[in-house]
Amino acid sequence: MRQDRSLLVITHLSQLLDLVTGFGGFVVPLILWLTQREQVLAMDNHGKSIMNFQISMFIYAIVCIPLILLFGVGILGLIVIGILCLVFPIINAIKASNGEEPSYPLSMDIIR
């Protein structure tokens, strides 16, 4: 296995493709994780963290949609989710470049 921090950084930052394409922020990190998890040191851990975060944010967004119609609170929830999806990939890309472990808040442990 090789140590490739730049690929880990790219994997975290590729989540920001959601802002451009709407779905690339899930597909690109998934492909990078599945193809490189056995070649790059720590890619498996980082990839699992990214996928858990992406799936968790999707679930939270789905929950917020009916809350818009019922209480109007769902709009606030979607704004918070948007901010989390913008800020934490950047923070964890910086952590990956420093060799630290990723930490995504409110992330459910779906993929182990």
N, C-alpha and C. Protein backbone atom coordinates (compact mmCIF):
# COMPACT_ATOMS: atom_id res chain seq x y z
N MET A 1 0.85 -1.19 0.00
CA MET A 1 0.00 0.00 0.00
C MET A 1 0.88 1.24 0.00
N ARG A 2 0.43 2.24 -0.69
CA ARG A 2 1.18 3.49 -0.74
C ARG A 2 0.42 4.58 0.02
N GLN A 3 1.17 5.55 0.48
CA GLN A 3 0.55 6.68 1.17
C GLN A 3 0.39 7.80 0.16
N ASP A 4 -0.85 8.23 -0.08
CA ASP A 4 -1.14 9.25 -1.06
C ASP A 4 -2.13 10.24 -0.45
N ARG A 5 -1.61 11.21 0.27
CA ARG A 5 -2.47 12.19 0.93
C ARG A 5 -3.21 13.07 -0.06
N SER A 6 -2.59 13.34 -1.21
CA SER A 6 -3.25 14.19 -2.19
C SER A 6 -4.52 13.53 -2.74
N LEU A 7 -4.50 12.23 -2.91
CA LEU A 7 -5.71 11.53 -3.37
C LEU A 7 -6.78 11.55 -2.28
N LEU A 8 -6.38 11.45 -1.03
CA LEU A 8 -7.35 11.57 0.07
C LEU A 8 -7.99 12.95 0.08
N VAL A 9 -7.18 13.98 -0.15
CA VAL A 9 -7.69 15.35 -0.19
C VAL A 9 -8.67 15.50 -1.35
N ILE A 10 -8.31 14.97 -2.52
CA ILE A 10 -9.19 15.05 -3.68
C ILE A 10 -10.50 14.31 -3.42
N THR A 11 -10.42 13.18 -2.73
CA THR A 11 -11.62 12.41 -2.42
C THR A 11 -12.56 13.22 -1.54
N HIS A 12 -12.02 13.90 -0.53
CA HIS A 12 -12.87 14.74 0.33
C HIS A 12 -13.43 15.92 -0.43
N LEU A 13 -12.60 16.58 -1.22
CA LEU A 13 -13.07 17.76 -1.95
C LEU A 13 -14.02 17.42 -3.09
N SER A 14 -13.97 16.19 -3.58
CA SER A 14 -14.87 15.81 -4.67
C SER A 14 -16.34 15.82 -4.22
N GLN A 15 -16.57 15.83 -2.93
CA GLN A 15 -17.95 15.94 -2.43
C GLN A 15 -18.57 17.26 -2.82
N LEU A 16 -17.74 18.27 -3.06
CA LEU A 16 -18.25 19.59 -3.43
C LEU A 16 -18.82 19.61 -4.85
N LEU A 17 -18.66 18.52 -5.59
CA LEU A 17 -19.28 18.42 -6.91
C LEU A 17 -20.80 18.46 -6.82
N ASP A 18 -21.35 18.19 -5.65
CA ASP A 18 -22.79 18.32 -5.45
C ASP A 18 -23.26 19.73 -5.78
N LEU A 19 -22.44 20.70 -5.51
CA LEU A 19 -22.81 22.08 -5.78
C LEU A 19 -22.90 22.36 -7.27
N VAL A 20 -22.15 21.60 -8.07
CA VAL A 20 -22.12 21.83 -9.51
C VAL A 20 -23.08 20.88 -10.24
N THR A 21 -22.99 19.60 -9.95
CA THR A 21 -23.75 18.61 -10.71
C THR A 21 -25.00 18.10 -9.99
N GLY A 22 -25.02 18.17 -8.68
CA GLY A 22 -26.16 17.67 -7.91
C GLY A 22 -26.01 16.24 -7.45
N PHE A 23 -25.21 15.44 -8.13
CA PHE A 23 -25.03 14.05 -7.73
C PHE A 23 -23.57 13.61 -7.76
N GLY A 24 -22.70 14.38 -8.34
CA GLY A 24 -21.28 14.00 -8.46
C GLY A 24 -20.59 13.91 -7.12
N GLY A 25 -21.09 14.59 -6.11
CA GLY A 25 -20.50 14.55 -4.79
C GLY A 25 -20.66 13.21 -4.11
N PHE A 26 -21.52 12.37 -4.64
CA PHE A 26 -21.67 11.01 -4.12
C PHE A 26 -20.94 10.01 -5.02
N VAL A 27 -21.07 10.18 -6.31
CA VAL A 27 -20.56 9.21 -7.27
C VAL A 27 -19.03 9.22 -7.32
N VAL A 28 -18.42 10.39 -7.42
CA VAL A 28 -16.95 10.46 -7.56
C VAL A 28 -16.23 9.93 -6.32
N PRO A 29 -16.59 10.34 -5.09
CA PRO A 29 -15.91 9.74 -3.93
C PRO A 29 -16.14 8.23 -3.83
N LEU A 30 -17.33 7.78 -4.22
CA LEU A 30 -17.62 6.34 -4.20
C LEU A 30 -16.69 5.60 -5.15
N ILE A 31 -16.53 6.11 -6.35
CA ILE A 31 -15.65 5.46 -7.33
C ILE A 31 -14.20 5.48 -6.85
N LEU A 32 -13.75 6.63 -6.35
CA LEU A 32 -12.38 6.72 -5.83
C LEU A 32 -12.16 5.76 -4.68
N TRP A 33 -13.11 5.67 -3.78
CA TRP A 33 -12.98 4.78 -2.63
C TRP A 33 -12.95 3.32 -3.07
N LEU A 34 -13.87 2.93 -3.94
CA LEU A 34 -13.94 1.53 -4.36
C LEU A 34 -12.72 1.09 -5.18
N THR A 35 -12.16 2.00 -5.96
CA THR A 35 -11.02 1.61 -6.80
C THR A 35 -9.68 1.73 -6.10
N GLN A 36 -9.58 2.57 -5.08
CA GLN A 36 -8.29 2.84 -4.45
C GLN A 36 -8.17 2.35 -3.02
N ARG A 37 -9.19 1.75 -2.45
CA ARG A 37 -9.14 1.40 -1.03
C ARG A 37 -8.09 0.34 -0.70
N GLU A 38 -7.70 -0.46 -1.68
CA GLU A 38 -6.68 -1.47 -1.42
C GLU A 38 -5.28 -1.02 -1.83
N GLN A 39 -5.19 0.10 -2.54
CA GLN A 39 -3.88 0.60 -2.98
C GLN A 39 -3.35 1.75 -2.12
N VAL A 40 -4.25 2.55 -1.56
CA VAL A 40 -3.85 3.75 -0.82
C VAL A 40 -4.09 3.54 0.67
N LEU A 41 -3.08 3.82 1.46
CA LEU A 41 -3.16 3.71 2.90
C LEU A 41 -4.21 4.67 3.44
N ALA A 42 -5.10 4.22 4.27
CA ALA A 42 -6.16 4.98 4.95
C ALA A 42 -7.31 5.36 4.03
N MET A 43 -7.30 4.95 2.77
CA MET A 43 -8.41 5.28 1.87
C MET A 43 -9.70 4.60 2.31
N ASP A 44 -9.61 3.39 2.82
CA ASP A 44 -10.81 2.69 3.25
C ASP A 44 -11.52 3.44 4.36
N ASN A 45 -10.78 3.90 5.35
CA ASN A 45 -11.37 4.64 6.46
C ASN A 45 -11.95 5.97 5.99
N HIS A 46 -11.20 6.71 5.18
CA HIS A 46 -11.69 8.00 4.68
C HIS A 46 -12.91 7.81 3.78
N GLY A 47 -12.88 6.81 2.92
CA GLY A 47 -14.00 6.56 2.02
C GLY A 47 -15.27 6.19 2.77
N LYS A 48 -15.13 5.35 3.79
CA LYS A 48 -16.29 4.99 4.60
C LYS A 48 -16.86 6.21 5.31
N SER A 49 -16.00 7.07 5.82
CA SER A 49 -16.46 8.29 6.48
C SER A 49 -17.22 9.19 5.52
N ILE A 50 -16.68 9.32 4.31
CA ILE A 50 -17.33 10.17 3.30
C ILE A 50 -18.69 9.59 2.91
N MET A 51 -18.74 8.30 2.65
CA MET A 51 -20.01 7.68 2.25
C MET A 51 -21.04 7.75 3.36
N ASN A 52 -20.63 7.51 4.60
CA ASN A 52 -21.55 7.63 5.73
C ASN A 52 -22.09 9.05 5.84
N PHE A 53 -21.22 10.04 5.64
CA PHE A 53 -21.65 11.44 5.71
C PHE A 53 -22.62 11.76 4.58
N GLN A 54 -22.31 11.34 3.37
CA GLN A 54 -23.18 11.62 2.22
C GLN A 54 -24.55 10.96 2.38
N ILE A 55 -24.56 9.71 2.81
CA ILE A 55 -25.83 9.01 3.00
C ILE A 55 -26.63 9.65 4.14
N SER A 56 -25.95 10.02 5.22
CA SER A 56 -26.62 10.65 6.36
C SER A 56 -27.24 11.99 5.95
N MET A 57 -26.51 12.81 5.21
CA MET A 57 -27.03 14.10 4.79
C MET A 57 -28.22 13.92 3.85
N PHE A 58 -28.19 12.89 3.00
CA PHE A 58 -29.31 12.61 2.11
C PHE A 58 -30.55 12.24 2.93
N ILE A 59 -30.36 11.39 3.93
CA ILE A 59 -31.48 10.99 4.79
C ILE A 59 -32.04 12.19 5.53
N TYR A 60 -31.17 13.04 6.08
CA TYR A 60 -31.63 14.24 6.78
C TYR A 60 -32.39 15.17 5.84
N ALA A 61 -31.93 15.30 4.60
CA ALA A 61 -32.61 16.16 3.63
C ALA A 61 -34.00 15.61 3.30
N ILE A 62 -34.09 14.29 3.16
CA ILE A 62 -35.40 13.66 2.89
C ILE A 62 -36.36 13.90 4.06
N VAL A 63 -35.85 13.85 5.28
CA VAL A 63 -36.68 14.11 6.46
C VAL A 63 -37.12 15.57 6.51
N CYS A 64 -36.28 16.48 6.05
CA CYS A 64 -36.62 17.90 6.09
C CYS A 64 -37.71 18.30 5.10
N ILE A 65 -37.86 17.56 4.02
CA ILE A 65 -38.83 17.94 2.99
C ILE A 65 -40.27 17.96 3.53
N PRO A 66 -40.74 16.91 4.22
CA PRO A 66 -42.10 17.02 4.78
C PRO A 66 -42.20 18.07 5.88
N LEU A 67 -41.10 18.33 6.56
CA LEU A 67 -41.13 19.34 7.62
C LEU A 67 -41.33 20.75 7.06
N ILE A 68 -40.99 20.95 5.79
CA ILE A 68 -41.25 22.24 5.15
C ILE A 68 -42.76 22.46 5.06
N LEU A 69 -43.48 21.45 4.65
CA LEU A 69 -44.93 21.56 4.48
C LEU A 69 -45.65 21.63 5.81
N LEU A 70 -45.15 20.89 6.81
CA LEU A 70 -45.85 20.84 8.09
C LEU A 70 -45.55 22.05 8.97
N PHE A 71 -44.29 22.34 9.16
CA PHE A 71 -43.93 23.35 10.14
C PHE A 71 -43.10 24.50 9.57
N GLY A 72 -42.56 24.33 8.40
CA GLY A 72 -41.67 25.35 7.86
C GLY A 72 -40.26 25.26 8.42
N VAL A 73 -40.04 24.34 9.36
CA VAL A 73 -38.73 24.19 9.98
C VAL A 73 -37.77 23.46 9.04
N GLY A 74 -38.33 22.77 8.08
CA GLY A 74 -37.51 22.02 7.15
C GLY A 74 -36.58 22.90 6.34
N ILE A 75 -37.00 24.13 6.09
CA ILE A 75 -36.13 25.06 5.34
C ILE A 75 -34.88 25.35 6.15
N LEU A 76 -35.04 25.57 7.43
CA LEU A 76 -33.89 25.79 8.30
C LEU A 76 -32.99 24.55 8.32
N GLY A 77 -33.59 23.38 8.36
CA GLY A 77 -32.83 22.13 8.34
C GLY A 77 -32.05 21.97 7.05
N LEU A 78 -32.66 22.30 5.92
CA LEU A 78 -31.97 22.20 4.63
C LEU A 78 -30.81 23.20 4.52
N ILE A 79 -30.99 24.37 5.11
CA ILE A 79 -29.90 25.36 5.12
C ILE A 79 -28.73 24.84 5.94
N VAL A 80 -29.02 24.27 7.11
CA VAL A 80 -27.97 23.71 7.96
C VAL A 80 -27.26 22.56 7.24
N ILE A 81 -28.02 21.70 6.58
CA ILE A 81 -27.42 20.59 5.83
C ILE A 81 -26.53 21.12 4.72
N GLY A 82 -26.97 22.15 4.03
CA GLY A 82 -26.17 22.75 2.97
C GLY A 82 -24.85 23.30 3.49
N ILE A 83 -24.90 23.96 4.64
CA ILE A 83 -23.68 24.51 5.24
C ILE A 83 -22.74 23.38 5.66
N LEU A 84 -23.29 22.34 6.28
CA LEU A 84 -22.47 21.19 6.69
C LEU A 84 -21.81 20.53 5.48
N CYS A 85 -22.56 20.40 4.39
CA CYS A 85 -22.03 19.76 3.17
C CYS A 85 -20.99 20.62 2.47
N LEU A 86 -20.96 21.89 2.78
CA LEU A 86 -19.95 22.78 2.20
C LEU A 86 -18.71 22.87 3.07
N VAL A 87 -18.89 22.95 4.37
CA VAL A 87 -17.78 23.21 5.29
C VAL A 87 -16.98 21.96 5.63
N PHE A 88 -17.65 20.86 5.96
CA PHE A 88 -16.92 19.71 6.49
C PHE A 88 -16.07 18.95 5.48
N PRO A 89 -16.43 18.90 4.20
CA PRO A 89 -15.47 18.32 3.25
C PRO A 89 -14.16 19.12 3.18
N ILE A 90 -14.25 20.43 3.29
CA ILE A 90 -13.04 21.26 3.27
C ILE A 90 -12.22 21.04 4.52
N ILE A 91 -12.87 21.01 5.68
CA ILE A 91 -12.16 20.77 6.94
C ILE A 91 -11.47 19.42 6.93
N ASN A 92 -12.18 18.39 6.45
CA ASN A 92 -11.60 17.05 6.44
C ASN A 92 -10.55 16.87 5.35
N ALA A 93 -10.61 17.66 4.28
CA ALA A 93 -9.54 17.65 3.29
C ALA A 93 -8.25 18.19 3.90
N ILE A 94 -8.38 19.23 4.71
CA ILE A 94 -7.22 19.79 5.41
C ILE A 94 -6.67 18.76 6.39
N LYS A 95 -7.57 18.09 7.12
CA LYS A 95 -7.13 17.04 8.05
C LYS A 95 -6.41 15.92 7.30
N ALA A 96 -6.94 15.53 6.15
CA ALA A 96 -6.32 14.46 5.37
C ALA A 96 -4.94 14.86 4.88
N SER A 97 -4.77 16.13 4.52
CA SER A 97 -3.45 16.57 4.06
C SER A 97 -2.44 16.59 5.20
N ASN A 98 -2.93 16.71 6.43
CA ASN A 98 -2.05 16.68 7.60
C ASN A 98 -1.89 15.27 8.17
N GLY A 99 -2.54 14.29 7.57
CA GLY A 99 -2.43 12.91 8.03
C GLY A 99 -3.33 12.57 9.18
N GLU A 100 -4.35 13.38 9.44
CA GLU A 100 -5.29 13.14 10.54
C GLU A 100 -6.50 12.35 10.05
N GLU A 101 -7.23 11.79 10.99
CA GLU A 101 -8.43 11.03 10.68
C GLU A 101 -9.60 11.99 10.42
N PRO A 102 -10.50 11.62 9.51
CA PRO A 102 -11.65 12.49 9.24
C PRO A 102 -12.70 12.38 10.35
N SER A 103 -13.44 13.46 10.53
CA SER A 103 -14.55 13.43 11.48
C SER A 103 -15.69 14.27 10.92
N TYR A 104 -16.77 13.60 10.62
CA TYR A 104 -17.97 14.26 10.10
C TYR A 104 -19.04 14.24 11.17
N PRO A 105 -19.59 15.41 11.52
CA PRO A 105 -20.63 15.45 12.56
C PRO A 105 -21.96 14.92 12.02
N LEU A 106 -22.78 14.43 12.90
CA LEU A 106 -24.12 13.94 12.58
C LEU A 106 -24.12 12.81 11.55
N SER A 107 -22.99 12.17 11.40
CA SER A 107 -22.87 11.09 10.42
C SER A 107 -23.24 9.76 11.08
N MET A 108 -24.21 9.08 10.47
CA MET A 108 -24.62 7.77 10.97
C MET A 108 -23.60 6.73 10.50
N ASP A 109 -23.37 5.73 11.32
CA ASP A 109 -22.41 4.68 10.99
C ASP A 109 -23.12 3.59 10.20
N ILE A 110 -23.34 3.85 8.91
CA ILE A 110 -24.06 2.92 8.06
C ILE A 110 -23.12 1.90 7.45
N ILE A 111 -22.02 2.37 6.89
CA ILE A 111 -21.01 1.50 6.30
C ILE A 111 -19.91 1.31 7.31
N ARG A 112 -19.62 0.07 7.65
CA ARG A 112 -18.61 -0.18 8.68
C ARG A 112 -17.36 -0.70 8.09
